[in-house]
Protein backbone atom coordinates (compact mmCIF):
# COMPACT_ATOMS: atom_id res chain seq x y z
CA MET A 1 21.57 -223.06 59.66
CA LYS A 2 18.94 -220.78 61.16
CA LEU A 3 20.81 -220.75 64.45
CA LEU A 4 24.07 -219.80 62.72
CA THR A 5 22.36 -216.94 60.90
CA PHE A 6 20.90 -215.69 64.17
CA ILE A 7 24.28 -215.76 65.91
CA LEU A 8 25.92 -213.81 63.08
CA LEU A 9 23.23 -211.15 63.24
CA VAL A 10 23.68 -210.81 67.01
CA ALA A 11 27.44 -210.50 66.52
CA ALA A 12 26.98 -207.78 63.91
CA VAL A 13 24.75 -205.73 66.22
CA VAL A 14 26.69 -206.18 69.45
CA CYS A 15 30.21 -205.73 68.12
CA VAL A 16 29.67 -202.46 66.19
CA PRO A 17 31.46 -199.66 68.14
CA ILE A 18 29.14 -197.20 69.87
CA GLN A 19 29.65 -193.92 68.03
CA HIS A 20 28.19 -190.49 68.51
CA SER A 21 28.33 -188.44 65.36
CA GLN A 22 29.19 -184.89 66.32
CA LYS A 23 29.73 -182.99 63.11
CA ARG A 24 30.37 -179.39 64.01
CA GLN A 25 30.38 -176.31 61.96
CA LYS A 26 33.66 -174.57 61.22
CA ALA A 27 34.76 -172.13 63.92
CA ASN A 28 34.01 -168.49 63.25
CA LYS A 29 36.64 -165.78 62.90
CA LEU A 30 37.73 -163.61 65.83
CA LEU A 31 38.78 -159.97 66.12
CA LEU A 32 40.25 -158.79 69.43
CA ILE A 33 40.34 -154.99 69.84
CA SER A 34 42.11 -153.26 72.73
CA PHE A 35 41.61 -149.61 73.62
CA ASP A 36 44.52 -148.85 75.93
CA GLY A 37 43.50 -147.37 79.28
CA PHE A 38 39.72 -147.68 78.71
CA ARG A 39 38.44 -147.70 82.29
CA TRP A 40 35.40 -149.83 83.02
CA ASP A 41 33.09 -146.80 83.56
CA TYR A 42 34.23 -144.45 80.80
CA ASP A 43 30.97 -144.96 78.89
CA GLN A 44 28.82 -143.83 81.82
CA ASP A 45 29.42 -140.06 81.75
CA VAL A 46 29.17 -139.56 78.00
CA GLU A 47 26.78 -140.49 75.19
CA THR A 48 27.86 -143.79 73.60
CA PRO A 49 24.97 -145.01 71.41
CA HIS A 50 27.02 -147.67 69.62
CA LEU A 51 28.51 -149.14 72.79
CA ASP A 52 24.99 -149.09 74.24
CA TYR A 53 23.78 -150.93 71.14
CA LEU A 54 26.33 -153.67 71.85
CA VAL A 55 24.90 -154.07 75.34
CA SER A 56 21.56 -155.07 73.80
CA LYS A 57 23.04 -157.09 70.94
CA GLY A 58 25.96 -158.73 72.69
CA VAL A 59 27.78 -159.20 75.99
CA LYS A 60 28.83 -156.66 78.58
CA ALA A 61 30.92 -157.46 81.63
CA LYS A 62 30.38 -155.27 84.67
CA TYR A 63 34.16 -154.87 84.68
CA ILE A 64 37.36 -156.89 84.22
CA ASN A 65 40.07 -157.28 86.84
CA PRO A 66 43.46 -156.53 85.26
CA PRO A 67 46.58 -158.32 86.48
CA PHE A 68 49.08 -156.60 88.72
CA VAL A 69 51.08 -154.67 87.69
CA THR A 70 48.46 -152.53 85.93
CA MET A 71 50.63 -151.55 82.97
CA THR A 72 50.17 -151.84 79.23
CA SER A 73 52.60 -154.55 78.13
CA PRO A 74 52.28 -156.89 81.12
CA SER A 75 48.48 -156.74 80.99
CA HIS A 76 48.21 -157.21 77.22
CA PHE A 77 50.49 -160.25 77.43
CA THR A 78 48.27 -161.73 80.14
CA THR A 79 45.27 -161.38 77.83
CA ILE A 80 47.01 -163.04 74.88
CA THR A 81 48.53 -165.88 76.98
CA GLY A 82 46.08 -166.40 79.84
CA ARG A 83 49.00 -166.35 82.29
CA TRP A 84 49.63 -164.30 85.39
CA ILE A 85 52.52 -161.87 85.03
CA GLU A 86 54.80 -163.91 87.29
CA ASP A 87 54.26 -166.83 84.89
CA HIS A 88 54.74 -165.11 81.54
CA GLY A 89 57.60 -162.87 82.67
CA VAL A 90 56.76 -159.55 80.97
CA VAL A 91 56.93 -157.77 84.33
CA HIS A 92 57.16 -154.14 83.17
CA ASN A 93 56.63 -151.84 80.21
CA MET A 94 60.35 -151.22 80.09
CA TYR A 95 63.04 -153.69 79.13
CA PHE A 96 65.88 -153.73 81.66
CA ASN A 97 69.03 -155.76 82.20
CA THR A 98 70.50 -156.10 85.68
CA THR A 99 73.96 -156.92 84.31
CA THR A 100 74.40 -154.22 81.68
CA LEU A 101 72.02 -151.86 83.55
CA ILE A 102 70.37 -150.99 80.24
CA LYS A 103 66.79 -149.70 80.36
CA LEU A 104 64.67 -149.14 77.27
CA PRO A 105 61.53 -147.00 76.98
CA HIS A 106 58.18 -148.62 76.26
CA LYS A 107 58.08 -148.01 72.49
CA LEU A 108 61.52 -149.58 71.97
CA THR A 109 60.67 -152.48 74.29
CA LEU A 110 57.75 -153.36 71.98
CA ARG A 111 60.34 -154.44 69.40
CA LYS A 112 62.65 -156.27 71.80
CA THR A 113 62.21 -160.01 71.23
CA GLN A 114 64.42 -160.79 74.22
CA TRP A 115 61.84 -159.17 76.52
CA TRP A 116 58.79 -160.97 75.16
CA ASP A 117 60.12 -164.40 74.20
CA THR A 118 60.05 -165.98 77.65
CA GLY A 119 59.03 -169.51 76.62
CA VAL A 120 55.31 -168.78 77.01
CA LEU A 121 53.49 -168.84 73.68
CA PRO A 122 50.89 -166.19 72.88
CA LEU A 123 47.68 -167.16 71.13
CA TRP A 124 48.93 -165.96 67.75
CA ILE A 125 51.62 -168.64 67.65
CA THR A 126 49.45 -171.36 69.17
CA ALA A 127 46.64 -170.74 66.69
CA GLN A 128 49.10 -170.48 63.81
CA ASN A 129 50.66 -173.82 64.75
CA GLN A 130 47.18 -175.36 64.62
CA GLY A 131 46.47 -174.18 61.10
CA ARG A 132 44.86 -170.80 61.75
CA LYS A 133 45.77 -167.68 59.79
CA VAL A 134 46.64 -164.90 62.24
CA ALA A 135 47.75 -161.27 62.34
CA SER A 136 48.60 -158.52 64.81
CA PHE A 137 47.94 -154.83 64.14
CA HIS A 138 49.91 -152.68 66.62
CA TYR A 139 49.08 -155.07 69.50
CA PRO A 140 51.81 -155.20 72.21
CA GLY A 141 53.94 -158.32 71.79
CA GLY A 142 52.86 -158.84 68.18
CA ASN A 143 55.94 -157.45 66.49
CA VAL A 144 58.57 -159.90 67.79
CA THR A 145 59.35 -163.59 67.35
CA TYR A 146 58.72 -166.51 69.70
CA GLY A 147 61.18 -169.38 69.59
CA GLY A 148 62.33 -167.95 66.26
CA GLN A 149 58.78 -168.03 64.88
CA ALA A 150 57.14 -164.84 63.63
CA ILE A 151 53.43 -164.13 63.49
CA TYR A 152 52.14 -164.68 59.94
CA ARG A 153 51.45 -160.95 59.57
CA SER A 154 52.28 -158.17 62.01
CA LEU A 155 52.29 -154.40 61.88
CA GLY A 156 54.10 -152.45 64.60
CA GLU A 157 53.69 -148.85 65.68
CA SER A 158 56.32 -146.32 64.75
CA LEU A 159 57.94 -144.34 67.55
CA THR A 160 55.97 -141.23 66.55
CA HIS A 161 52.70 -142.94 65.71
CA PRO A 162 49.70 -140.63 66.37
CA ASP A 163 47.12 -142.04 68.75
CA THR A 164 44.06 -139.86 68.06
CA ASN A 165 43.63 -139.70 64.27
CA GLU A 166 40.03 -140.85 63.69
CA THR A 167 40.50 -141.23 59.95
CA GLU A 168 43.40 -143.60 60.53
CA TRP A 169 41.32 -145.53 63.06
CA ARG A 170 38.70 -146.24 60.40
CA LEU A 171 41.33 -147.09 57.82
CA ASN A 172 42.78 -149.65 60.23
CA ILE A 173 39.35 -151.26 60.58
CA ASP A 174 39.00 -151.48 56.79
CA ILE A 175 42.42 -153.10 56.51
CA VAL A 176 41.64 -155.69 59.16
CA LEU A 177 38.20 -156.54 57.76
CA GLU A 178 39.70 -156.98 54.30
CA TRP A 179 42.12 -159.48 55.80
CA PHE A 180 39.14 -161.43 57.08
CA ALA A 181 36.94 -161.10 54.01
CA LYS A 182 39.46 -161.32 51.16
CA GLU A 183 42.39 -163.26 52.65
CA ASP A 184 40.46 -165.55 54.98
CA PHE A 185 42.28 -164.68 58.20
CA ASP A 186 40.98 -166.44 61.31
CA PHE A 187 42.32 -164.31 64.16
CA VAL A 188 43.46 -160.69 64.26
CA THR A 189 44.36 -158.40 67.18
CA LEU A 190 43.94 -154.63 66.79
CA TYR A 191 45.31 -152.06 69.24
CA TYR A 192 44.51 -148.37 69.79
CA GLY A 193 46.58 -146.14 72.08
CA GLU A 194 43.58 -144.18 73.33
CA PRO A 195 42.11 -143.27 75.76
CA ASP A 196 45.36 -143.99 77.65
CA ASN A 197 47.17 -141.08 76.02
CA VAL A 198 44.53 -138.47 76.84
CA GLY A 199 44.07 -139.94 80.31
CA HIS A 200 47.75 -139.37 81.05
CA ARG A 201 47.95 -135.88 79.55
CA LYS A 202 44.66 -134.40 80.68
CA GLY A 203 43.37 -136.75 83.35
CA PRO A 204 40.48 -139.21 83.39
CA GLU A 205 37.80 -136.84 84.68
CA THR A 206 38.07 -134.27 81.90
CA GLU A 207 36.14 -133.16 78.85
CA GLU A 208 39.12 -134.10 76.65
CA ARG A 209 38.86 -137.69 77.81
CA ARG A 210 35.09 -137.69 77.20
CA ALA A 211 35.68 -136.40 73.68
CA VAL A 212 37.97 -139.34 72.96
CA ILE A 213 35.33 -141.76 74.28
CA ARG A 214 32.83 -140.25 71.81
CA GLN A 215 35.41 -140.82 69.07
CA ILE A 216 35.82 -144.43 70.16
CA ASP A 217 32.05 -144.86 70.09
CA ARG A 218 31.87 -143.51 66.54
CA THR A 219 34.64 -145.93 65.60
CA ILE A 220 32.64 -148.82 67.05
CA GLY A 221 29.67 -147.68 64.95
CA TYR A 222 31.88 -147.67 61.88
CA LEU A 223 33.08 -151.18 62.79
CA ILE A 224 29.50 -152.48 63.09
CA ASP A 225 28.53 -151.00 59.72
CA SER A 226 31.69 -152.26 58.06
CA ILE A 227 31.14 -155.81 59.29
CA GLU A 228 27.79 -155.72 57.46
CA ARG A 229 29.42 -154.22 54.38
CA TYR A 230 32.03 -156.98 54.23
CA ASN A 231 29.38 -159.69 54.77
CA LEU A 232 31.05 -160.84 57.98
CA LYS A 233 28.11 -160.53 60.36
CA ASP A 234 27.51 -164.28 60.52
CA LYS A 235 31.20 -165.22 60.52
CA LEU A 236 33.04 -162.79 62.80
CA ASN A 237 33.11 -162.61 66.60
CA VAL A 238 34.45 -159.40 68.14
CA ILE A 239 35.87 -158.85 71.64
CA ILE A 240 36.56 -155.25 72.71
CA THR A 241 38.50 -154.70 75.90
CA SER A 242 41.45 -152.84 77.42
CA ASP A 243 44.45 -153.38 79.70
CA HIS A 244 43.90 -151.20 82.78
CA GLY A 245 42.07 -148.15 84.02
CA MET A 246 43.25 -144.66 84.98
CA THR A 247 43.11 -142.42 88.04
CA THR A 248 43.80 -138.77 88.78
CA ILE A 249 47.20 -138.16 90.36
CA LYS A 250 47.23 -136.44 93.73
CA LYS A 251 49.66 -133.53 93.89
CA ALA A 252 50.99 -130.92 96.27
CA PRO A 253 49.86 -128.77 97.89
CA ASP A 254 46.75 -130.95 98.28
CA VAL A 255 48.79 -133.97 99.48
CA ASN A 256 52.26 -134.92 100.63
CA GLU A 257 53.69 -136.57 97.52
CA ILE A 258 56.02 -139.56 97.61
CA ARG A 259 59.69 -138.86 96.86
CA LEU A 260 62.05 -141.73 97.77
CA SER A 261 65.20 -139.60 97.89
CA LYS A 262 63.88 -138.15 101.13
CA PHE A 263 64.28 -141.57 102.79
CA ILE A 264 67.20 -143.40 101.09
CA ARG A 265 70.54 -142.69 99.41
CA PHE A 266 70.46 -143.54 95.71
CA LYS A 267 74.20 -144.26 95.67
CA ASN A 268 73.30 -147.56 97.34
CA ILE A 269 71.05 -148.54 94.43
CA LYS A 270 72.38 -150.49 91.44
CA LEU A 271 69.22 -150.32 89.28
CA GLU A 272 65.80 -148.78 89.81
CA LEU A 273 62.53 -148.57 87.91
CA LEU A 274 60.83 -145.54 89.41
CA ASP A 275 59.00 -142.43 88.18
CA TYR A 276 56.68 -144.71 86.24
CA GLY A 277 53.25 -144.26 87.77
CA GLY A 278 52.19 -145.95 90.96
CA PHE A 279 54.69 -148.84 90.94
CA GLY A 280 58.45 -149.27 91.21
CA MET A 281 61.23 -151.82 91.74
CA ILE A 282 64.70 -151.43 93.22
CA LEU A 283 67.89 -153.49 92.93
CA PRO A 284 70.17 -152.40 95.81
CA LYS A 285 73.92 -152.75 95.58
CA GLU A 286 75.41 -155.79 97.23
CA GLY A 287 74.93 -155.73 100.99
CA LYS A 288 72.53 -152.75 100.90
CA THR A 289 69.16 -154.49 100.55
CA GLU A 290 68.24 -154.35 104.24
CA GLU A 291 69.31 -150.72 104.55
CA ILE A 292 67.17 -149.69 101.59
CA TYR A 293 64.22 -151.72 102.82
CA GLN A 294 64.34 -150.32 106.35
CA GLY A 295 64.73 -146.79 104.98
CA LEU A 296 61.53 -147.08 102.96
CA LYS A 297 59.41 -149.16 105.30
CA ASN A 298 56.94 -146.91 107.10
CA ALA A 299 58.56 -143.88 105.46
CA HIS A 300 55.28 -142.57 103.99
CA PRO A 301 51.71 -143.36 105.02
CA HIS A 302 50.68 -144.00 101.39
CA LEU A 303 53.74 -145.99 100.32
CA ASN A 304 53.65 -149.81 100.37
CA VAL A 305 57.08 -151.46 100.59
CA TYR A 306 57.88 -155.19 100.33
CA LYS A 307 60.80 -157.50 99.90
CA LYS A 308 60.24 -159.71 96.87
CA GLU A 309 59.70 -162.84 98.93
CA GLU A 310 57.10 -161.08 101.09
CA PHE A 311 55.02 -159.61 98.30
CA PRO A 312 51.32 -160.57 98.66
CA GLU A 313 50.36 -163.79 96.87
CA ARG A 314 47.14 -162.27 95.53
CA PHE A 315 49.12 -160.20 93.03
CA HIS A 316 50.57 -163.28 91.26
CA TYR A 317 53.58 -161.15 90.44
CA SER A 318 56.73 -161.65 92.50
CA LYS A 319 57.63 -165.28 91.70
CA ASN A 320 59.67 -164.47 88.63
CA ASP A 321 63.43 -164.07 88.27
CA ARG A 322 63.02 -160.69 86.57
CA VAL A 323 61.33 -159.14 89.60
CA LEU A 324 63.81 -157.04 91.62
CA PRO A 325 64.42 -157.54 95.39
CA ILE A 326 62.39 -154.55 96.62
CA LEU A 327 58.93 -153.62 95.35
CA VAL A 328 57.03 -150.41 96.09
CA TYR A 329 53.64 -149.08 95.12
CA GLY A 330 51.59 -146.10 96.17
CA ASP A 331 48.02 -145.96 97.33
CA LEU A 332 45.57 -144.92 94.64
CA GLY A 333 46.62 -141.58 93.15
CA TYR A 334 50.06 -141.46 94.79
CA ASN A 335 52.79 -141.84 92.19
CA VAL A 336 56.17 -143.26 93.26
CA ASN A 337 58.79 -140.61 92.50
CA GLY A 338 62.54 -141.22 92.77
CA ARG A 339 65.03 -138.40 93.09
CA ILE A 340 62.72 -135.56 92.08
CA ILE A 341 59.00 -135.08 91.51
CA LEU A 342 58.03 -134.71 87.86
CA HIS A 343 54.62 -133.23 87.25
CA ILE A 344 54.13 -134.63 83.76
CA ASN A 345 51.04 -136.80 83.95
CA ARG A 346 47.69 -135.73 85.35
CA GLY A 347 46.42 -139.29 85.23
CA ASP A 348 48.25 -142.58 85.75
CA HIS A 349 48.00 -146.30 86.50
CA GLY A 350 50.22 -149.05 87.92
CA PHE A 351 48.28 -149.13 91.20
CA ASP A 352 46.70 -152.02 93.10
CA ASN A 353 44.45 -153.97 90.74
CA LYS A 354 41.72 -154.19 93.39
CA GLU A 355 41.09 -150.46 92.99
CA MET A 356 38.00 -149.70 90.89
CA ASP A 357 39.86 -147.00 88.94
CA MET A 358 42.16 -149.73 87.61
CA LYS A 359 39.38 -151.99 86.26
CA MET A 360 39.03 -152.66 82.52
CA PHE A 361 35.97 -152.68 80.30
CA PHE A 362 34.67 -155.56 78.14
CA ARG A 363 32.19 -155.92 75.28
CA ALA A 364 31.69 -158.83 72.88
CA PHE A 365 29.34 -159.56 70.00
CA GLY A 366 29.03 -161.89 67.04
CA PRO A 367 27.38 -165.15 66.00
CA ASP A 368 28.63 -167.13 69.01
CA PHE A 369 27.74 -164.56 71.68
CA LYS A 370 24.40 -164.20 73.38
CA SER A 371 22.45 -160.95 73.21
CA ALA A 372 21.77 -158.64 76.15
CA TYR A 373 24.00 -160.76 78.40
CA LEU A 374 25.45 -159.06 81.48
CA SER A 375 28.47 -160.87 82.85
CA GLU A 376 29.70 -160.66 86.40
CA PRO A 377 33.26 -159.30 86.82
CA PHE A 378 36.12 -161.69 86.07
CA ASP A 379 39.92 -161.69 85.82
CA SER A 380 41.47 -160.93 82.44
CA ILE A 381 43.27 -164.31 82.43
CA HIS A 382 39.92 -165.87 81.47
CA ILE A 383 39.75 -164.05 78.12
CA TYR A 384 42.41 -166.40 76.71
CA PRO A 385 40.51 -169.70 77.08
CA LEU A 386 37.41 -167.91 75.76
CA MET A 387 39.30 -166.93 72.60
CA CYS A 388 40.74 -170.42 72.20
CA ASN A 389 37.26 -171.86 72.41
CA LEU A 390 35.89 -169.43 69.81
CA LEU A 391 38.72 -170.32 67.43
CA GLY A 392 38.54 -174.06 68.08
CA VAL A 393 42.17 -174.00 69.22
CA LYS A 394 43.67 -176.25 71.86
CA PRO A 395 45.09 -173.84 74.48
CA GLU A 396 48.56 -173.79 75.94
CA PRO A 397 48.82 -174.23 79.74
CA ASN A 398 47.22 -171.15 81.29
CA ASN A 399 45.76 -169.76 84.50
CA GLY A 400 42.29 -169.08 83.08
CA SER A 401 39.13 -171.16 82.88
CA LEU A 402 36.47 -171.36 80.19
CA ALA A 403 33.91 -172.09 82.92
CA ILE A 404 34.05 -168.40 83.87
CA THR A 405 32.97 -167.11 80.45
CA GLU A 406 31.12 -169.94 78.66
CA GLY A 407 27.78 -168.65 79.93
CA MET A 408 28.03 -165.77 77.48
CA LEU A 409 28.22 -168.18 74.53
CA PHE A 410 25.43 -169.89 72.60
CA ASN A 411 27.58 -172.99 72.17
CA SER A 412 30.86 -174.04 73.70
CA PHE A 413 33.10 -175.99 71.38
CA GLU A 414 35.66 -178.57 72.45
CA ASN A 415 39.24 -177.56 71.74
CA SER A 416 39.83 -180.06 68.96
CA ASP A 417 39.19 -180.45 65.28
CA LEU A 418 35.70 -179.12 64.80
CA GLU A 419 34.50 -181.79 62.39
CA VAL A 420 34.92 -185.09 64.16
CA VAL A 421 33.28 -188.39 64.88
CA SER A 422 33.81 -188.65 68.59
CA PHE A 423 33.89 -191.84 70.59
CA ARG A 424 32.81 -191.08 74.12
CA SER A 425 36.40 -191.55 75.18
CA ASP A 426 39.10 -194.10 74.47
CA ARG A 427 38.83 -195.59 77.96
CA LEU A 428 35.04 -195.63 77.96
CA SER A 429 34.96 -197.09 74.45
CA GLY A 430 37.28 -199.86 75.60
CA ILE A 431 35.05 -200.67 78.56
CA ILE A 432 31.95 -200.65 76.36
CA GLY A 433 33.66 -202.84 73.77
CA LEU A 434 34.82 -205.41 76.33
CA GLY A 435 31.38 -205.44 77.89
CA ALA A 436 29.77 -205.97 74.50
CA VAL A 437 32.09 -208.87 73.68
CA ALA A 438 31.48 -210.49 77.09
CA THR A 439 27.72 -210.11 76.67
CA PHE A 440 27.87 -211.59 73.19
CA LEU A 441 29.87 -214.62 74.32
CA PHE A 442 27.53 -215.13 77.26
CA LEU A 443 24.48 -215.03 74.96
CA VAL A 444 26.11 -217.44 72.51
CA ALA A 445 26.90 -219.86 75.36
CA ILE A 446 23.32 -219.76 76.63
CA ILE A 447 21.91 -220.21 73.11
CA HIS A 448 24.32 -223.08 72.45
CA VAL A 449 23.55 -224.93 75.69
CA THR A 450 19.80 -224.38 75.40
CA TYR A 451 19.66 -225.42 71.77
CA TYR A 452 21.52 -228.68 72.29
CA ALA A 453 19.61 -229.48 75.48
CA VAL A 454 16.30 -229.11 73.61
CA LEU A 455 17.63 -231.14 70.67
CA ARG A 456 18.80 -233.92 72.98
CA SER A 457 15.43 -233.97 74.74
CA LYS A 458 13.59 -234.24 71.44
CA ARG A 459 15.82 -237.07 70.28
CA GLU A 460 15.25 -238.98 73.53
CA ALA A 461 11.50 -238.49 73.21
CA ILE A 462 11.57 -239.76 69.64
CA ARG A 463 13.62 -242.79 70.61
CA GLU A 464 11.30 -243.54 73.51
CA ARG A 465 8.24 -243.20 71.34
CA GLY A 466 9.85 -245.47 68.77
CA ARG A 467 10.48 -248.15 71.37
CA VAL A 468 6.93 -247.91 72.61
CA ALA A 469 5.54 -248.08 69.09
CA GLU A 470 7.71 -251.06 68.20
CA ALA A 471 6.58 -252.86 71.32
CA ALA A 472 2.94 -252.23 70.43
CA ILE A 473 3.40 -253.51 66.87
CA CYS A 474 5.18 -256.57 68.08
CA ARG A 475 2.37 -257.20 70.55
CA ARG A 476 -0.13 -257.14 67.77
CA ALA A 477 2.04 -259.57 65.87
CA GLY A 478 1.69 -261.97 68.81
CA ARG A 479 5.01 -261.44 70.45
CA GLY A 480 3.76 -260.13 73.73
CA SER A 481 2.08 -257.13 75.11
CA ALA A 482 3.71 -253.80 74.48
CA MET A 483 3.23 -253.14 78.19
CA ASP A 484 5.63 -255.97 78.93
CA LYS A 485 8.39 -254.27 76.94
CA VAL A 486 8.19 -250.88 78.71
CA PRO A 487 10.32 -250.38 81.82
CA SER A 488 8.18 -250.43 84.93
CA GLY A 489 9.27 -246.96 86.11
CA LYS A 490 7.89 -245.12 83.09
CA THR A 491 4.17 -245.03 83.87
CA GLY A 492 3.46 -242.34 81.28
CA LYS A 493 4.94 -244.47 78.55
CA ARG A 494 3.18 -247.57 79.88
CA GLN A 495 -0.13 -245.72 79.51
CA GLU A 496 0.83 -244.64 76.00
CA ALA A 497 1.63 -248.28 75.13
CA ALA A 498 -1.72 -249.35 76.54
CA ASP A 499 -3.46 -246.75 74.43
CA LEU A 500 -1.64 -247.95 71.36
CA GLU A 501 -2.62 -251.52 72.15
CA LYS A 502 -6.27 -250.45 72.32
CA GLY A 503 -5.91 -248.47 69.10
CA SER A 504 -6.66 -245.16 70.85
CA ASP A 505 -3.46 -243.33 69.86
CA LYS A 506 -4.19 -240.26 67.77
CA GLU A 507 -1.17 -240.85 65.58
CA GLU A 508 -1.89 -243.03 62.51
CA TRP A 509 0.51 -245.96 62.58
CA PRO A 510 1.03 -248.12 59.43
CA ARG A 511 -0.90 -251.37 59.24
CA GLU A 512 0.27 -254.56 57.56
CA GLY A 513 0.44 -253.96 53.90
CA GLY A 514 1.28 -250.27 54.45
CA SER A 515 4.63 -248.64 53.86
CA ARG A 516 7.23 -251.10 52.93
CA ARG A 517 9.85 -249.07 54.72
CA ILE A 518 7.88 -249.18 57.92
CA GLU A 519 7.45 -252.94 57.63
CA VAL A 520 11.19 -253.37 57.48
CA LYS A 521 11.65 -251.09 60.49
CA ASN A 522 8.92 -252.95 62.29
CA SER A 523 10.45 -256.31 61.54
CA ILE A 524 13.74 -255.10 62.85
CA GLY A 525 11.96 -253.59 65.81
CA CYS A 526 10.28 -256.88 66.61
CA ALA A 527 13.57 -258.64 66.41
CA GLY A 528 14.89 -256.10 68.79
CA ALA A 529 11.94 -256.76 71.05
CA GLU A 530 12.60 -260.47 70.93
CA ALA A 531 16.16 -259.90 71.83
CA MET A 532 15.09 -257.85 74.79
CA SER A 533 12.69 -260.54 76.07
């Protein structure tokens, strides 16, 4: 009975699955703010006390590498999907159709679902499908549907929306924070059109641009105070970034500007996207591709010309069906003009993303971010897995890696339900379980064999002692010496019989007139001894 109890206890201990309780807190909320065209160094030539405060209380990246092409819509969609532009397919600010030859300006393209719904899901939809409450406030790509699914709440810019109204900026912050505090939203994106607008109109190295940066800094101060006022300090993470930088455009008579009509005939072009900063694409008419390419190649010392299939891999841009057969971009500051030169913008972008003037800025703060953490530069594709991790959302396939940004976090959550009891892994649990069962069976076998071997040995010893004792009793009764009844090979037992015969055994054996039961056994034993003689 004792052995059975022991075996059951061993079974209970060994067969219980090995668990690691990993009860996590609920993921915090996340606000992503984008200031369009905020170059990485815009805070270095103007007083920005609130942005400086975030450097000490949060995370600053030295700079962020935008994707190529360095335009608003393509770059914003990379941030919200974690995909290179050639993968997500939003290849330009403008919608265009190579069959109908329709081209739409940027503001209208923001509302064109056909342009954005490429089969790649942005974080809004992914988070929403995993139970998070999400919203987009003016963010590019947030005012359309994906696979027929709309974002839970989205506000789009009007065509005449003002970019510089500071009062409206603060109102937008109040609206968003109320969504978090009163309606329990989990993820919201907020977009501002500055300092891109002033950078285009006045140029990046101007007092007007610096004035807008001061306004942005005041807005950040208002955001910090408002987070306290709405009791969100311990619940809300904030990422502030942009989409590209800005550079001053080089113009005549200081330089020889790029005008493509000097080198090719536009009647041989079916569709072109030119006069849009430092980048352009051309769809030649049938049979005219080589002529157009040869006409532009080496035409200008600051013009870079490629066939689609020869475009450098490092751009992660050309392997998409929407990209046209010929791609051109100017060296930094050289805009690509088509038929005529239009002196509209003093600053522009769209240039090579390796240029420092095209780099983006990045700040982050909140309960999950470390303080006074300076991050090395990284590509903007890595912001997506960072956001997924902060929200506790399982990401869609993407080109980013959490390993690039997790150093800025206090804790890195797995992308799964946050309150779980995790088994190390299904495969590892199976191995551990099988090993435990095998060990248990092995122990039981050893215990079983050992127990019965000991029991058998004891029984044999008892039987042997009984035979020796019976022989001694019979000897005393006159039936022969007990020594005569012990097999000759068992010298130990022969000695024991001799001791019994001399009365030297320590064990008290019954005498005549003792236990009646023993007398019977002895009489039988003597009979047995007689039979053996």
